[in-house]
PDB file of all heavy atoms in Angstrom:
ATOM      1  N   ALA A   1      55.336  -0.436-118.326  1.00  0.00           N
ATOM      2  CA  ALA A   1      56.696  -0.165-117.855  1.00  0.00           C
ATOM      3  C   ALA A   1      56.782  -0.126-116.338  1.00  0.00           C
ATOM      4  O   ALA A   1      57.884  -0.075-115.785  1.00  0.00           O
ATOM      5  CB  ALA A   1      57.200   1.156-118.440  1.00  0.00           C
ATOM      6  N   ASP A   2      55.634  -0.127-115.663  1.00  0.00           N
ATOM      7  CA  ASP A   2      55.623  -0.105-114.202  1.00  0.00           C
ATOM      8  C   ASP A   2      55.444  -1.532-113.682  1.00  0.00           C
ATOM      9  O   ASP A   2      54.347  -2.090-113.754  1.00  0.00           O
ATOM     10  CB  ASP A   2      54.475   0.780-113.708  1.00  0.00           C
ATOM     11  CG  ASP A   2      54.504   0.996-112.206  1.00  0.00           C
ATOM     12  OD1 ASP A   2      54.878   0.063-111.473  1.00  0.00           O
ATOM     13  OD2 ASP A   2      54.155   2.093-111.753  1.00  0.00           O
ATOM     14  N   PRO A   3      56.503  -2.145-113.149  1.00  0.00           N
ATOM     15  CA  PRO A   3      56.390  -3.543-112.687  1.00  0.00           C
ATOM     16  C   PRO A   3      55.307  -3.731-111.638  1.00  0.00           C
ATOM     17  O   PRO A   3      54.651  -4.782-111.602  1.00  0.00           O
ATOM     18  CB  PRO A   3      57.781  -3.820-112.100  1.00  0.00           C
ATOM     19  CG  PRO A   3      58.691  -2.841-112.751  1.00  0.00           C
ATOM     20  CD  PRO A   3      57.865  -1.609-112.961  1.00  0.00           C
ATOM     21  N   LYS A   4      55.073  -2.724-110.792  1.00  0.00           N
ATOM     22  CA  LYS A   4      54.069  -2.868-109.737  1.00  0.00           C
ATOM     23  C   LYS A   4      52.669  -2.996-110.324  1.00  0.00           C
ATOM     24  O   LYS A   4      51.808  -3.673-109.745  1.00  0.00           O
ATOM     25  CB  LYS A   4      54.133  -1.672-108.794  1.00  0.00           C
ATOM     26  CG  LYS A   4      55.395  -1.621-107.941  1.00  0.00           C
ATOM     27  CD  LYS A   4      55.362  -0.423-106.999  1.00  0.00           C
ATOM     28  CE  LYS A   4      56.622  -0.353-106.154  1.00  0.00           C
ATOM     29  NZ  LYS A   4      56.602   0.825-105.244  1.00  0.00           N
ATOM     30  N   PHE A   5      52.432  -2.347-111.448  1.00  0.00           N
ATOM     31  CA  PHE A   5      51.107  -2.418-112.066  1.00  0.00           C
ATOM     32  C   PHE A   5      50.827  -3.840-112.549  1.00  0.00           C
ATOM     33  O   PHE A   5      49.787  -4.425-112.225  1.00  0.00           O
ATOM     34  CB  PHE A   5      51.018  -1.428-113.230  1.00  0.00           C
ATOM     35  CG  PHE A   5      49.706  -1.452-113.955  1.00  0.00           C
ATOM     36  CD1 PHE A   5      48.548  -1.034-113.336  1.00  0.00           C
ATOM     37  CD2 PHE A   5      49.631  -1.896-115.270  1.00  0.00           C
ATOM     38  CE1 PHE A   5      47.320  -1.054-114.008  1.00  0.00           C
ATOM     39  CE2 PHE A   5      48.430  -1.919-115.950  1.00  0.00           C
ATOM     40  CZ  PHE A   5      47.266  -1.501-115.315  1.00  0.00           C
ATOM     41  N   LEU A   6      51.761  -4.413-113.308  1.00  0.00           N
ATOM     42  CA  LEU A   6      51.553  -5.766-113.813  1.00  0.00           C
ATOM     43  C   LEU A   6      51.477  -6.779-112.683  1.00  0.00           C
ATOM     44  O   LEU A   6      50.621  -7.669-112.681  1.00  0.00           O
ATOM     45  CB  LEU A   6      52.687  -6.147-114.770  1.00  0.00           C
ATOM     46  CG  LEU A   6      52.794  -5.333-116.062  1.00  0.00           C
ATOM     47  CD1 LEU A   6      53.915  -5.891-116.939  1.00  0.00           C
ATOM     48  CD2 LEU A   6      51.482  -5.334-116.821  1.00  0.00           C
ATOM     49  N   ARG A   7      52.361  -6.659-111.696  1.00  0.00           N
ATOM     50  CA  ARG A   7      52.364  -7.622-110.609  1.00  0.00           C
ATOM     51  C   ARG A   7      51.157  -7.447-109.696  1.00  0.00           C
ATOM     52  O   ARG A   7      50.666  -8.417-109.116  1.00  0.00           O
ATOM     53  CB  ARG A   7      53.679  -7.503-109.838  1.00  0.00           C
ATOM     54  CG  ARG A   7      54.836  -8.141-110.607  1.00  0.00           C
ATOM     55  CD  ARG A   7      56.181  -7.529-110.261  1.00  0.00           C
ATOM     56  NE  ARG A   7      57.260  -8.159-111.014  1.00  0.00           N
ATOM     57  CZ  ARG A   7      57.554  -7.885-112.290  1.00  0.00           C
ATOM     58  NH1 ARG A   7      56.831  -7.002-112.960  1.00  0.00           N
ATOM     59  NH2 ARG A   7      58.561  -8.503-112.896  1.00  0.00           N
ATOM     60  N   GLY A   8      50.652  -6.196-109.587  1.00  0.00           N
ATOM     61  CA  GLY A   8      49.430  -5.979-108.827  1.00  0.00           C
ATOM     62  C   GLY A   8      48.239  -6.659-109.476  1.00  0.00           C
ATOM     63  O   GLY A   8      47.425  -7.305-108.796  1.00  0.00           O
ATOM     64  N   LEU A   9      48.126  -6.532-110.791  1.00  0.00           N
ATOM     65  CA  LEU A   9      47.047  -7.218-111.515  1.00  0.00           C
ATOM     66  C   LEU A   9      47.175  -8.731-111.366  1.00  0.00           C
ATOM     67  O   LEU A   9      46.189  -9.432-111.124  1.00  0.00           O
ATOM     68  CB  LEU A   9      47.085  -6.832-112.998  1.00  0.00           C
ATOM     69  CG  LEU A   9      46.709  -5.393-113.356  1.00  0.00           C
ATOM     70  CD1 LEU A   9      46.958  -5.136-114.838  1.00  0.00           C
ATOM     71  CD2 LEU A   9      45.257  -5.103-113.010  1.00  0.00           C
ATOM     72  N   ASP A  10      48.397  -9.230-111.515  1.00  0.00           N
ATOM     73  CA  ASP A  10      48.632 -10.674-111.420  1.00  0.00           C
ATOM     74  C   ASP A  10      48.271 -11.183-110.028  1.00  0.00           C
ATOM     75  O   ASP A  10      47.625 -12.231-109.890  1.00  0.00           O
ATOM     76  CB  ASP A  10      50.094 -10.971-111.745  1.00  0.00           C
ATOM     77  CG  ASP A  10      50.358 -12.456-111.975  1.00  0.00           C
ATOM     78  OD1 ASP A  10      49.714 -13.034-112.880  1.00  0.00           O
ATOM     79  OD2 ASP A  10      51.191 -13.030-111.254  1.00  0.00           O
ATOM     80  N   ALA A  11      48.673 -10.442-108.993  1.00  0.00           N
ATOM     81  CA  ALA A  11      48.364 -10.855-107.621  1.00  0.00           C
ATOM     82  C   ALA A  11      46.865 -10.839-107.356  1.00  0.00           C
ATOM     83  O   ALA A  11      46.364 -11.639-106.545  1.00  0.00           O
ATOM     84  CB  ALA A  11      49.088  -9.940-106.633  1.00  0.00           C
ATOM     85  N   ASP A  12      46.133  -9.950-108.030  1.00  0.00           N
ATOM     86  CA  ASP A  12      44.678  -9.873-107.870  1.00  0.00           C
ATOM     87  C   ASP A  12      43.944 -10.955-108.643  1.00  0.00           C
ATOM     88  O   ASP A  12      42.716 -11.047-108.564  1.00  0.00           O
ATOM     89  CB  ASP A  12      44.164  -8.507-108.333  1.00  0.00           C
ATOM     90  CG  ASP A  12      44.547  -7.381-107.385  1.00  0.00           C
ATOM     91  OD1 ASP A  12      45.049  -7.676-106.282  1.00  0.00           O
ATOM     92  OD2 ASP A  12      44.344  -6.200-107.753  1.00  0.00           O
ATOM     93  N   GLY A  13      44.675 -11.733-109.433  1.00  0.00           N
ATOM     94  CA  GLY A  13      44.027 -12.754-110.256  1.00  0.00           C
ATOM     95  C   GLY A  13      43.449 -12.216-111.542  1.00  0.00           C
ATOM     96  O   GLY A  13      42.648 -12.903-112.200  1.00  0.00           O
ATOM     97  N   GLU A  14      43.844 -11.003-111.922  1.00  0.00           N
ATOM     98  CA  GLU A  14      43.360 -10.428-113.175  1.00  0.00           C
ATOM     99  C   GLU A  14      44.214 -10.914-114.342  1.00  0.00           C
ATOM    100  O   GLU A  14      45.442 -10.975-114.246  1.00  0.00           O
ATOM    101  CB  GLU A  14      43.425  -8.899-113.130  1.00  0.00           C
ATOM    102  CG  GLU A  14      42.571  -8.247-112.067  1.00  0.00           C
ATOM    103  CD  GLU A  14      41.084  -8.326-112.362  1.00  0.00           C
ATOM    104  OE1 GLU A  14      40.710  -8.837-113.442  1.00  0.00           O
ATOM    105  OE2 GLU A  14      40.297  -7.885-111.503  1.00  0.00           O
ATOM    106  N   VAL A  15      43.566 -11.239-115.444  1.00  0.00           N
ATOM    107  CA  VAL A  15      44.282 -11.491-116.695  1.00  0.00           C
ATOM    108  C   VAL A  15      44.587 -10.144-117.327  1.00  0.00           C
ATOM    109  O   VAL A  15      43.709  -9.280-117.405  1.00  0.00           O
ATOM    110  CB  VAL A  15      43.443 -12.356-117.653  1.00  0.00           C
ATOM    111  CG1 VAL A  15      44.130 -12.488-119.018  1.00  0.00           C
ATOM    112  CG2 VAL A  15      43.201 -13.734-117.061  1.00  0.00           C
ATOM    113  N   PHE A  16      45.814  -9.938-117.761  1.00  0.00           N
ATOM    114  CA  PHE A  16      46.166  -8.685-118.411  1.00  0.00           C
ATOM    115  C   PHE A  16      46.815  -8.940-119.760  1.00  0.00           C
ATOM    116  O   PHE A  16      47.432  -9.986-119.994  1.00  0.00           O
ATOM    117  CB  PHE A  16      47.084  -7.824-117.526  1.00  0.00           C
ATOM    118  CG  PHE A  16      48.437  -8.431-117.237  1.00  0.00           C
ATOM    119  CD1 PHE A  16      49.443  -8.423-118.187  1.00  0.00           C
ATOM    120  CD2 PHE A  16      48.702  -8.978-115.998  1.00  0.00           C
ATOM    121  CE1 PHE A  16      50.696  -8.975-117.921  1.00  0.00           C
ATOM    122  CE2 PHE A  16      49.945  -9.532-115.716  1.00  0.00           C
ATOM    123  CZ  PHE A  16      50.942  -9.532-116.680  1.00  0.00           C
ATOM    124  N   VAL A  17      46.645  -7.990-120.645  1.00  0.00           N
ATOM    125  CA  VAL A  17      47.313  -7.955-121.939  1.00  0.00           C
ATOM    126  C   VAL A  17      47.793  -6.514-122.096  1.00  0.00           C
ATOM    127  O   VAL A  17      47.041  -5.644-122.515  1.00  0.00           O
ATOM    128  CB  VAL A  17      46.369  -8.361-123.092  1.00  0.00           C
ATOM    129  CG1 VAL A  17      47.114  -8.392-124.414  1.00  0.00           C
ATOM    130  CG2 VAL A  17      45.733  -9.717-122.811  1.00  0.00           C
ATOM    131  N   VAL A  18      49.034  -6.274-121.735  1.00  0.00           N
ATOM    132  CA  VAL A  18      49.539  -4.917-121.569  1.00  0.00           C
ATOM    133  C   VAL A  18      50.807  -4.727-122.391  1.00  0.00           C
ATOM    134  O   VAL A  18      51.736  -5.541-122.324  1.00  0.00           O
ATOM    135  CB  VAL A  18      49.818  -4.615-120.079  1.00  0.00           C
ATOM    136  CG1 VAL A  18      50.457  -3.237-119.914  1.00  0.00           C
ATOM    137  CG2 VAL A  18      48.520  -4.700-119.270  1.00  0.00           C
ATOM    138  N   ASP A  19      50.858  -3.642-123.162  1.00  0.00           N
ATOM    139  CA  ASP A  19      52.045  -3.331-123.962  1.00  0.00           C
ATOM    140  C   ASP A  19      53.219  -2.976-123.058  1.00  0.00           C
ATOM    141  O   ASP A  19      53.037  -2.439-121.953  1.00  0.00           O
ATOM    142  CB  ASP A  19      51.763  -2.160-124.902  1.00  0.00           C
ATOM    143  CG  ASP A  19      50.786  -2.504-126.010  1.00  0.00           C
ATOM    144  OD1 ASP A  19      50.436  -3.686-126.134  1.00  0.00           O
ATOM    145  OD2 ASP A  19      50.365  -1.585-126.736  1.00  0.00           O
ATOM    146  N   VAL A  20      54.426  -3.268-123.539  1.00  0.00           N
ATOM    147  CA  VAL A  20      55.651  -2.894-122.840  1.00  0.00           C
ATOM    148  C   VAL A  20      56.563  -2.187-123.830  1.00  0.00           C
ATOM    149  O   VAL A  20      56.347  -2.211-125.038  1.00  0.00           O
ATOM    150  CB  VAL A  20      56.357  -4.120-122.225  1.00  0.00           C
ATOM    151  CG1 VAL A  20      55.528  -4.722-121.108  1.00  0.00           C
ATOM    152  CG2 VAL A  20      56.671  -5.167-123.286  1.00  0.00           C
ATOM    153  N   LYS A  21      57.613  -1.565-123.314  1.00  0.00           N
ATOM    154  CA  LYS A  21      58.550  -0.835-124.166  1.00  0.00           C
ATOM    155  C   LYS A  21      59.544  -1.783-124.820  1.00  0.00           C
ATOM    156  O   LYS A  21      59.743  -2.920-124.369  1.00  0.00           O
ATOM    157  CB  LYS A  21      59.270   0.222-123.347  1.00  0.00           C
ATOM    158  CG  LYS A  21      58.337   1.281-122.768  1.00  0.00           C
ATOM    159  CD  LYS A  21      59.120   2.322-122.007  1.00  0.00           C
ATOM    160  CE  LYS A  21      58.162   3.348-121.363  1.00  0.00           C
ATOM    161  NZ  LYS A  21      57.402   4.110-122.355  1.00  0.00           N
ATOM    162  N   ALA A  22      60.189  -1.305-125.868  1.00  0.00           N
ATOM    163  CA  ALA A  22      61.197  -2.111-126.566  1.00  0.00           C
ATOM    164  C   ALA A  22      62.353  -2.475-125.650  1.00  0.00           C
ATOM    165  O   ALA A  22      63.055  -3.471-125.879  1.00  0.00           O
ATOM    166  CB  ALA A  22      61.712  -1.353-127.789  1.00  0.00           C
ATOM    167  N   SER A  23      62.565  -1.699-124.598  1.00  0.00           N
ATOM    168  CA  SER A  23      63.661  -1.941-123.664  1.00  0.00           C
ATOM    169  C   SER A  23      63.321  -2.970-122.590  1.00  0.00           C
ATOM    170  O   SER A  23      64.170  -3.295-121.757  1.00  0.00           O
ATOM    171  CB  SER A  23      64.070  -0.625-122.994  1.00  0.00           C
ATOM    172  OG  SER A  23      62.951  -0.055-122.320  1.00  0.00           O
ATOM    173  N   GLN A  24      62.090  -3.488-122.590  1.00  0.00           N
ATOM    174  CA  GLN A  24      61.694  -4.491-121.611  1.00  0.00           C
ATOM    175  C   GLN A  24      62.647  -5.684-121.666  1.00  0.00           C
ATOM    176  O   GLN A  24      62.926  -6.227-122.730  1.00  0.00           O
ATOM    177  CB  GLN A  24      60.268  -4.977-121.885  1.00  0.00           C
ATOM    178  CG  GLN A  24      59.825  -6.173-121.064  1.00  0.00           C
ATOM    179  CD  GLN A  24      59.605  -5.822-119.609  1.00  0.00           C
ATOM    180  OE1 GLN A  24      58.990  -4.809-119.293  1.00  0.00           O
ATOM    181  NE2 GLN A  24      60.094  -6.663-118.709  1.00  0.00           N
ATOM    182  N   ARG A  25      63.140  -6.091-120.497  1.00  0.00           N
ATOM    183  CA  ARG A  25      64.076  -7.223-120.442  1.00  0.00           C
ATOM    184  C   ARG A  25      63.333  -8.502-120.110  1.00  0.00           C
ATOM    185  O   ARG A  25      62.460  -8.531-119.243  1.00  0.00           O
ATOM    186  CB  ARG A  25      65.190  -6.952-119.430  1.00  0.00           C
ATOM    187  CG  ARG A  25      66.090  -5.797-119.873  1.00  0.00           C
ATOM    188  CD  ARG A  25      67.333  -5.668-119.024  1.00  0.00           C
ATOM    189  NE  ARG A  25      68.227  -4.657-119.588  1.00  0.00           N
ATOM    190  CZ  ARG A  25      69.152  -4.893-120.508  1.00  0.00           C
ATOM    191  NH1 ARG A  25      69.324  -6.132-120.968  1.00  0.00           N
ATOM    192  NH2 ARG A  25      69.912  -3.927-120.985  1.00  0.00           N
ATOM    193  N   ILE A  26      63.714  -9.560-120.818  1.00  0.00           N
ATOM    194  CA  ILE A  26      63.083 -10.862-120.647  1.00  0.00           C
ATOM    195  C   ILE A  26      64.151 -11.933-120.513  1.00  0.00           C
ATOM    196  O   ILE A  26      65.289 -11.780-120.960  1.00  0.00           O
ATOM    197  CB  ILE A  26      62.168 -11.204-121.848  1.00  0.00           C
ATOM    198  CG1 ILE A  26      62.985 -11.163-123.154  1.00  0.00           C
ATOM    199  CG2 ILE A  26      60.958 -10.280-121.897  1.00  0.00           C
ATOM    200  CD1 ILE A  26      62.234 -11.682-124.366  1.00  0.00           C
ATOM    201  N   TYR A  27      63.775 -13.040-119.889  1.00  0.00           N
ATOM    202  CA  TYR A  27      64.613 -14.232-119.821  1.00  0.00           C
ATOM    203  C   TYR A  27      64.003 -15.294-120.735  1.00  0.00           C
ATOM    204  O   TYR A  27      62.786 -15.507-120.723  1.00  0.00           O
ATOM    205  CB  TYR A  27      64.687 -14.772-118.399  1.00  0.00           C
ATOM    206  CG  TYR A  27      65.424 -13.888-117.419  1.00  0.00           C
ATOM    207  CD1 TYR A  27      64.759 -12.852-116.752  1.00  0.00           C
ATOM    208  CD2 TYR A  27      66.767 -14.103-117.144  1.00  0.00           C
ATOM    209  CE1 TYR A  27      65.435 -12.041-115.841  1.00  0.00           C
ATOM    210  CE2 TYR A  27      67.448 -13.301-116.232  1.00  0.00           C
ATOM    211  CZ  TYR A  27      66.769 -12.278-115.593  1.00  0.00           C
ATOM    212  OH  TYR A  27      67.441 -11.486-114.692  1.00  0.00           O
ATOM    213  N   LEU A  28      64.848 -15.945-121.494  1.00  0.00           N
ATOM    214  CA  LEU A  28      64.365 -17.020-122.368  1.00  0.00           C
ATOM    215  C   LEU A  28      64.323 -18.352-121.638  1.00  0.00           C
ATOM    216  O   LEU A  28      63.748 -19.318-122.138  1.00  0.00           O
ATOM    217  CB  LEU A  28      65.254 -17.113-123.612  1.00  0.00           C
ATOM    218  CG  LEU A  28      65.350 -15.813-124.437  1.00  0.00           C
ATOM    219  CD1 LEU A  28      66.239 -16.033-125.656  1.00  0.00           C
ATOM    220  CD2 LEU A  28      63.966 -15.325-124.850  1.00  0.00           C
TER     221      LEU A  28
END
């Protein structure tokens, strides 16, 4: 649920598989 956490991992080149909440918003 913390965007900085996911984007920090992504910026570091880490592959992540992280759960999100049902309220997570996505674009199709």
